[in-house]
N, C-alpha and C. Protein backbone atom coordinates (compact mmCIF):
# COMPACT_ATOMS: atom_id res chain seq x y z
N MET A 1 16.07 9.78 19.87
CA MET A 1 15.40 8.90 20.43
C MET A 1 14.65 8.50 19.35
N GLU A 2 13.99 7.60 19.02
CA GLU A 2 13.10 6.88 17.84
C GLU A 2 11.58 7.11 18.28
N ARG A 3 11.34 7.63 16.81
CA ARG A 3 9.52 8.15 17.03
C ARG A 3 9.15 7.71 15.94
N LEU A 4 7.61 7.52 15.88
CA LEU A 4 6.86 7.30 14.70
C LEU A 4 6.27 8.74 14.56
N GLU A 5 6.45 9.33 13.24
CA GLU A 5 6.24 10.61 12.89
C GLU A 5 4.83 10.42 11.95
N LEU A 6 4.10 11.47 11.76
CA LEU A 6 2.85 11.95 11.32
C LEU A 6 2.92 11.30 9.90
N SER A 7 4.08 11.61 9.26
CA SER A 7 4.27 11.25 7.94
C SER A 7 4.10 9.88 7.47
N GLU A 8 5.02 9.23 8.32
CA GLU A 8 5.02 7.79 8.15
C GLU A 8 4.12 6.96 8.71
N LEU A 9 3.03 7.46 9.82
CA LEU A 9 2.01 6.87 9.84
C LEU A 9 0.89 7.06 8.78
N ALA A 10 1.13 7.99 8.24
CA ALA A 10 0.08 8.44 7.11
C ALA A 10 0.30 7.49 5.55
N LEU A 11 1.83 7.26 5.31
CA LEU A 11 2.38 6.24 4.34
C LEU A 11 1.68 4.91 4.85
N LEU A 12 1.98 4.56 6.29
CA LEU A 12 1.53 3.18 6.36
C LEU A 12 0.12 2.84 6.11
N LEU A 13 -0.49 3.90 6.55
CA LEU A 13 -1.99 3.62 6.31
C LEU A 13 -2.49 3.85 4.83
N ARG A 14 -1.65 4.64 4.06
CA ARG A 14 -2.06 4.43 2.54
C ARG A 14 -1.74 3.08 1.98
N GLU A 15 -0.70 2.86 2.33
CA GLU A 15 -0.51 1.39 2.10
C GLU A 15 -1.42 0.10 2.38
N ALA A 16 -1.63 0.48 3.76
CA ALA A 16 -2.41 -0.81 4.20
C ALA A 16 -4.01 -0.67 3.62
N ALA A 17 -4.24 0.61 3.66
CA ALA A 17 -5.88 0.57 3.04
C ALA A 17 -5.89 0.74 1.21
N GLY A 18 -4.58 0.83 0.46
CA GLY A 18 -4.95 1.10 -0.51
C GLY A 18 -4.60 2.55 -1.03
N GLU A 19 -3.80 3.00 -2.08
CA GLU A 19 -3.66 4.36 -1.95
C GLU A 19 -4.94 5.16 -2.67
N ASP A 20 -5.86 4.72 -3.09
CA ASP A 20 -7.07 5.41 -3.37
C ASP A 20 -7.85 5.51 -2.23
N GLU A 21 -7.89 4.92 -1.02
CA GLU A 21 -8.45 4.96 0.19
C GLU A 21 -7.87 5.67 0.89
N GLY A 22 -9.05 6.16 2.28
CA GLY A 22 -8.68 7.20 2.77
C GLY A 22 -8.55 8.62 2.86
N ALA A 23 -8.56 9.46 3.96
CA ALA A 23 -8.38 11.07 3.62
C ALA A 23 -6.59 11.30 3.62
N VAL A 24 -6.88 12.58 3.51
CA VAL A 24 -5.17 12.95 3.79
C VAL A 24 -5.02 13.17 5.31
N LEU A 25 -3.98 12.67 5.70
CA LEU A 25 -3.59 12.48 7.12
C LEU A 25 -2.68 13.68 7.35
N ASP A 26 -2.94 14.53 8.03
CA ASP A 26 -1.67 15.67 8.47
C ASP A 26 -2.23 16.24 9.92
N GLU A 27 -1.76 17.33 9.94
CA GLU A 27 -1.80 18.14 11.32
C GLU A 27 -3.39 18.58 11.58
N ASP A 28 -4.13 18.74 10.56
CA ASP A 28 -5.49 19.24 10.82
C ASP A 28 -6.28 17.66 10.80
N THR A 29 -6.01 16.95 10.87
CA THR A 29 -6.55 15.42 10.80
C THR A 29 -6.40 14.83 12.06
N LEU A 30 -5.33 15.25 12.98
CA LEU A 30 -4.79 14.50 14.20
C LEU A 30 -5.91 14.02 15.02
N ASP A 31 -7.12 14.50 15.13
CA ASP A 31 -7.93 14.74 16.08
C ASP A 31 -9.41 13.97 15.70
N THR A 32 -9.41 13.56 14.19
CA THR A 32 -10.17 12.98 13.75
C THR A 32 -10.60 11.45 13.83
N LEU A 33 -11.47 10.70 13.70
CA LEU A 33 -11.38 9.31 14.12
C LEU A 33 -10.89 8.80 12.92
N PHE A 34 -10.44 7.59 13.11
CA PHE A 34 -9.97 6.98 12.05
C PHE A 34 -11.11 6.49 10.80
N LEU A 35 -11.91 6.03 11.54
CA LEU A 35 -13.29 5.57 10.48
C LEU A 35 -13.93 7.00 9.85
N ASP A 36 -13.80 7.99 10.37
CA ASP A 36 -14.10 8.96 9.73
C ASP A 36 -12.96 9.56 8.40
N LEU A 37 -11.90 9.05 8.75
CA LEU A 37 -10.86 9.20 7.88
C LEU A 37 -10.63 8.19 6.81
N GLY A 38 -11.48 7.13 6.84
CA GLY A 38 -11.71 6.17 5.84
C GLY A 38 -10.84 4.77 6.03
N TYR A 39 -10.14 4.92 7.43
CA TYR A 39 -9.29 3.86 7.66
C TYR A 39 -10.06 2.52 8.91
N ASP A 40 -10.11 1.46 8.53
CA ASP A 40 -11.05 0.66 9.23
C ASP A 40 -10.45 -0.29 10.01
N SER A 41 -10.52 -0.86 11.14
CA SER A 41 -9.51 -1.83 11.94
C SER A 41 -8.77 -2.62 10.93
N LEU A 42 -8.78 -3.11 9.96
CA LEU A 42 -8.07 -3.80 9.42
C LEU A 42 -6.86 -3.13 9.05
N ALA A 43 -7.02 -1.88 8.46
CA ALA A 43 -5.63 -0.98 8.05
C ALA A 43 -5.03 -0.49 9.39
N LEU A 44 -5.65 -0.61 10.45
CA LEU A 44 -5.01 -0.33 11.63
C LEU A 44 -3.90 -1.48 12.11
N LEU A 45 -4.63 -2.74 12.15
CA LEU A 45 -4.17 -3.94 12.20
C LEU A 45 -2.97 -4.31 11.48
N GLN A 46 -2.84 -3.82 10.36
CA GLN A 46 -1.76 -4.11 9.23
C GLN A 46 -0.98 -3.17 9.77
N VAL A 47 -1.03 -1.91 9.89
CA VAL A 47 -0.05 -0.80 10.16
C VAL A 47 0.68 -1.01 11.56
N THR A 48 -0.42 -2.09 12.67
CA THR A 48 0.31 -1.99 14.03
C THR A 48 1.68 -3.13 14.03
N GLY A 49 1.02 -4.19 12.86
CA GLY A 49 2.18 -5.08 12.78
C GLY A 49 3.31 -4.81 12.00
N VAL A 50 3.38 -3.70 11.26
CA VAL A 50 4.52 -3.13 10.71
C VAL A 50 5.03 -2.34 11.62
N VAL A 51 4.54 -1.24 12.50
CA VAL A 51 5.02 -0.80 13.35
C VAL A 51 5.61 -1.61 14.57
N GLU A 52 5.44 -2.71 14.78
CA GLU A 52 5.76 -3.28 15.80
C GLU A 52 7.12 -4.21 15.24
N ARG A 53 7.16 -4.40 14.07
CA ARG A 53 8.36 -5.03 13.69
C ARG A 53 9.23 -4.24 13.28
N ASP A 54 9.03 -3.41 12.88
CA ASP A 54 10.06 -2.32 12.43
C ASP A 54 10.70 -1.64 13.74
N HIS A 55 9.93 -1.39 14.42
CA HIS A 55 10.65 -1.06 15.76
C HIS A 55 10.79 -1.72 16.72
N ASP A 56 10.77 -2.99 16.54
CA ASP A 56 10.91 -4.01 17.52
C ASP A 56 9.87 -3.70 18.87
N LEU A 57 8.72 -3.89 18.65
CA LEU A 57 7.79 -3.34 19.83
C LEU A 57 6.34 -4.27 20.05
N MET A 58 6.12 -4.44 21.20
CA MET A 58 5.03 -4.98 21.56
C MET A 58 3.97 -3.78 21.91
N LEU A 59 2.72 -3.48 21.34
CA LEU A 59 2.03 -2.56 21.58
C LEU A 59 0.63 -3.45 22.45
N ASP A 60 0.48 -2.47 23.56
CA ASP A 60 -0.98 -3.14 24.62
C ASP A 60 -1.97 -3.25 23.55
N GLU A 61 -2.78 -4.02 23.52
CA GLU A 61 -3.91 -4.52 22.71
C GLU A 61 -5.01 -3.34 23.24
N GLU A 62 -5.22 -3.68 24.52
CA GLU A 62 -6.38 -2.67 25.35
C GLU A 62 -5.90 -1.48 25.02
N ALA A 63 -4.84 -0.83 24.84
CA ALA A 63 -4.58 0.56 24.62
C ALA A 63 -4.58 0.78 22.99
N LEU A 64 -4.48 -0.01 22.18
CA LEU A 64 -4.66 0.25 20.96
C LEU A 64 -6.12 0.33 20.54
N ALA A 65 -7.05 -0.69 21.07
CA ALA A 65 -8.54 -0.48 21.06
C ALA A 65 -9.18 0.82 21.02
N GLU A 66 -8.35 1.25 22.15
CA GLU A 66 -8.97 2.98 22.53
C GLU A 66 -8.20 3.85 21.57
N ALA A 67 -6.85 3.56 20.88
CA ALA A 67 -6.41 4.82 20.00
C ALA A 67 -7.36 4.71 18.71
N GLN A 68 -8.16 5.65 18.68
CA GLN A 68 -9.42 6.08 17.86
C GLN A 68 -8.93 7.17 16.85
N THR A 69 -7.95 7.82 17.05
CA THR A 69 -7.44 9.09 16.23
C THR A 69 -5.91 8.85 16.03
N PRO A 70 -5.38 9.84 14.67
CA PRO A 70 -4.33 9.45 14.60
C PRO A 70 -3.39 9.97 15.80
N ARG A 71 -3.76 10.73 16.57
CA ARG A 71 -3.02 11.41 17.64
C ARG A 71 -2.51 10.65 18.87
N GLN A 72 -3.79 9.82 19.01
CA GLN A 72 -3.89 8.95 20.17
C GLN A 72 -2.98 7.75 19.94
N TYR A 73 -2.96 7.49 18.61
CA TYR A 73 -2.05 6.09 18.06
C TYR A 73 -0.66 6.71 17.98
N LEU A 74 -0.20 7.65 17.73
CA LEU A 74 1.13 8.18 17.80
C LEU A 74 1.31 8.33 19.08
N ASP A 75 0.72 8.88 20.12
CA ASP A 75 0.96 9.28 21.51
C ASP A 75 1.41 7.44 22.08
N LEU A 76 0.63 6.69 21.82
CA LEU A 76 0.52 5.35 22.32
C LEU A 76 2.14 4.87 21.79
N VAL A 77 2.63 4.73 20.49
CA VAL A 77 3.72 4.39 19.94
C VAL A 77 4.29 4.93 20.60
N ASN A 78 4.55 6.44 20.15
CA ASN A 78 5.84 7.03 20.94
C ASN A 78 5.74 6.87 22.17
N GLY A 79 4.81 6.89 22.82
CA GLY A 79 5.09 6.62 24.64
C GLY A 79 5.67 4.95 24.71
N ALA A 80 5.38 4.18 23.97
CA ALA A 80 6.02 2.92 24.34
C ALA A 80 7.29 3.10 23.72
N LEU A 81 7.72 3.74 22.70
CA LEU A 81 9.33 3.95 22.62
C LEU A 81 9.68 4.51 23.31
N ALA A 82 9.50 5.75 23.77
CA ALA A 82 9.86 6.58 25.12
C ALA A 82 10.52 5.42 26.44
N ALA A 83 9.55 4.66 26.62
CA ALA A 83 9.65 3.75 27.87
C ALA A 83 10.74 2.68 27.46
N ARG A 84 10.51 2.13 26.69
CA ARG A 84 11.69 1.22 26.09
C ARG A 84 12.98 2.09 26.17
N ALA A 85 13.37 3.61 25.71
CA ALA A 85 14.45 3.91 25.49
C ALA A 85 14.97 4.23 26.97
N ALA A 86 13.90 4.69 27.91
CA ALA A 86 13.94 4.97 29.50
C ALA A 86 14.73 3.63 30.31
N ALA A 87 14.42 2.53 29.23
CA ALA A 87 14.40 1.29 30.53
C ALA A 87 16.12 0.89 30.30
């Protein structure tokens, strides 16, 4: 089953925000707010565009607005991928 992994999300965020911006994204920061990690809404918007394009997926905008942490974002994306695979 197709999944978005933490390492891929971390790479996409670094590319969207710039290499020097944002904190390290790992298992210890899964529940830290994106803003506290140094990633703003523009970086998340750019990442979402890449994720949607690369995975041929449309994510719910309201659910995206509520995804405030890496764990919530990964759960949202991977839930959508799982739902598509089950259909």
